[in-house]
Amino acid sequence: MGALETVHRRRLSVEEFHRIGAAGILVEDDRIELIDGDMIEMAPIGTMHLAKVNRLSRMLSLAVRQEAIVSTQNPIAPTPAK
């Protein structure tokens, strides 16, 4: 492989990401998220992050009242059943 050769990136689909989890390559305790097709290892949630997310979630819930459901830090698409 030459120094000037281009490296091509292959992004994962949500379905492929879920299949990786179903195959046991990723387990529930792995802090991995799929962001724009890239698997990203996430840092553990600290107390400051937790407190701010809870406060913002409460503020948003109060603002939208019964007009919407606030779903904090949940996946956009549900994980398929095993």
Protein backbone atom coordinates (compact mmCIF):
# COMPACT_ATOMS: atom_id res chain seq x y z
CA MET A 1 0.00 0.00 0.00
CA GLY A 2 1.56 3.28 -1.09
CA ALA A 3 1.77 6.35 1.13
CA LEU A 4 -0.48 8.34 -1.20
CA GLU A 5 -3.19 5.69 -1.46
CA THR A 6 -6.63 6.86 -0.38
CA VAL A 7 -8.36 5.10 2.48
CA HIS A 8 -12.06 4.59 1.84
CA ARG A 9 -14.45 4.74 4.76
CA ARG A 10 -17.40 2.35 4.94
CA ARG A 11 -20.22 3.56 7.10
CA LEU A 12 -22.52 1.16 8.93
CA SER A 13 -26.28 1.17 8.62
CA VAL A 14 -28.48 0.95 11.71
CA GLU A 15 -29.41 -2.61 10.69
CA GLU A 16 -25.73 -3.63 10.44
CA PHE A 17 -25.02 -2.05 13.84
CA HIS A 18 -27.88 -4.05 15.39
CA ARG A 19 -26.61 -7.25 13.76
CA ILE A 20 -23.19 -6.65 15.33
CA GLY A 21 -24.89 -6.46 18.72
CA ALA A 22 -27.03 -9.53 18.03
CA ALA A 23 -23.89 -11.48 17.07
CA GLY A 24 -22.47 -10.80 20.54
CA ILE A 25 -19.60 -8.65 19.30
CA LEU A 26 -21.00 -5.74 21.30
CA VAL A 27 -22.63 -6.34 24.66
CA GLU A 28 -25.09 -4.19 26.58
CA ASP A 29 -22.40 -2.67 28.81
CA ASP A 30 -20.32 -1.47 25.83
CA ARG A 31 -20.62 2.30 25.56
CA ILE A 32 -20.79 2.38 21.77
CA GLU A 33 -23.11 4.58 19.72
CA LEU A 34 -23.70 4.72 15.99
CA ILE A 35 -23.34 8.34 14.85
CA ASP A 36 -23.55 9.09 11.12
CA GLY A 37 -22.52 5.53 10.34
CA ASP A 38 -19.47 5.57 12.63
CA MET A 39 -19.19 3.45 15.77
CA ILE A 40 -18.14 5.87 18.52
CA GLU A 41 -16.95 4.82 21.98
CA MET A 42 -18.63 7.10 24.49
CA ALA A 43 -17.20 8.27 27.80
CA PRO A 44 -19.04 7.20 30.97
CA ILE A 45 -21.71 9.64 32.14
CA GLY A 46 -20.39 11.78 35.01
CA THR A 47 -22.42 13.43 37.77
CA MET A 48 -22.30 16.91 36.14
CA HIS A 49 -23.58 15.49 32.84
CA LEU A 50 -26.30 13.52 34.63
CA ALA A 51 -27.48 16.56 36.59
CA LYS A 52 -27.60 18.82 33.52
CA VAL A 53 -29.42 16.25 31.38
CA ASN A 54 -32.02 15.71 34.13
CA ARG A 55 -32.54 19.45 34.56
CA LEU A 56 -32.89 20.10 30.82
CA SER A 57 -35.22 17.13 30.42
CA ARG A 58 -37.47 18.43 33.18
CA MET A 59 -37.48 21.95 31.70
CA LEU A 60 -38.36 20.62 28.23
CA SER A 61 -41.10 18.35 29.63
CA LEU A 62 -42.66 21.29 31.47
CA ALA A 63 -42.42 23.47 28.35
CA VAL A 64 -44.18 21.01 26.04
CA ARG A 65 -46.65 19.77 28.67
CA GLN A 66 -49.03 17.29 27.02
CA GLU A 67 -48.12 18.28 23.44
CA ALA A 68 -45.11 15.94 23.11
CA ILE A 69 -43.20 13.17 24.84
CA VAL A 70 -39.68 13.96 25.97
CA SER A 71 -37.46 10.89 25.62
CA THR A 72 -34.07 11.59 27.12
CA GLN A 73 -30.96 9.66 26.03
CA ASN A 74 -32.94 6.88 24.39
CA PRO A 75 -32.25 5.51 20.92
CA ILE A 76 -34.03 7.15 18.01
CA ALA A 77 -34.83 3.74 16.54
CA PRO A 78 -35.72 0.87 18.88
CA THR A 79 -33.31 -2.03 19.15
CA PRO A 80 -34.77 -5.16 17.51
CA ALA A 81 -35.93 -7.91 19.87
CA LYS A 82 -33.50 -10.77 20.36
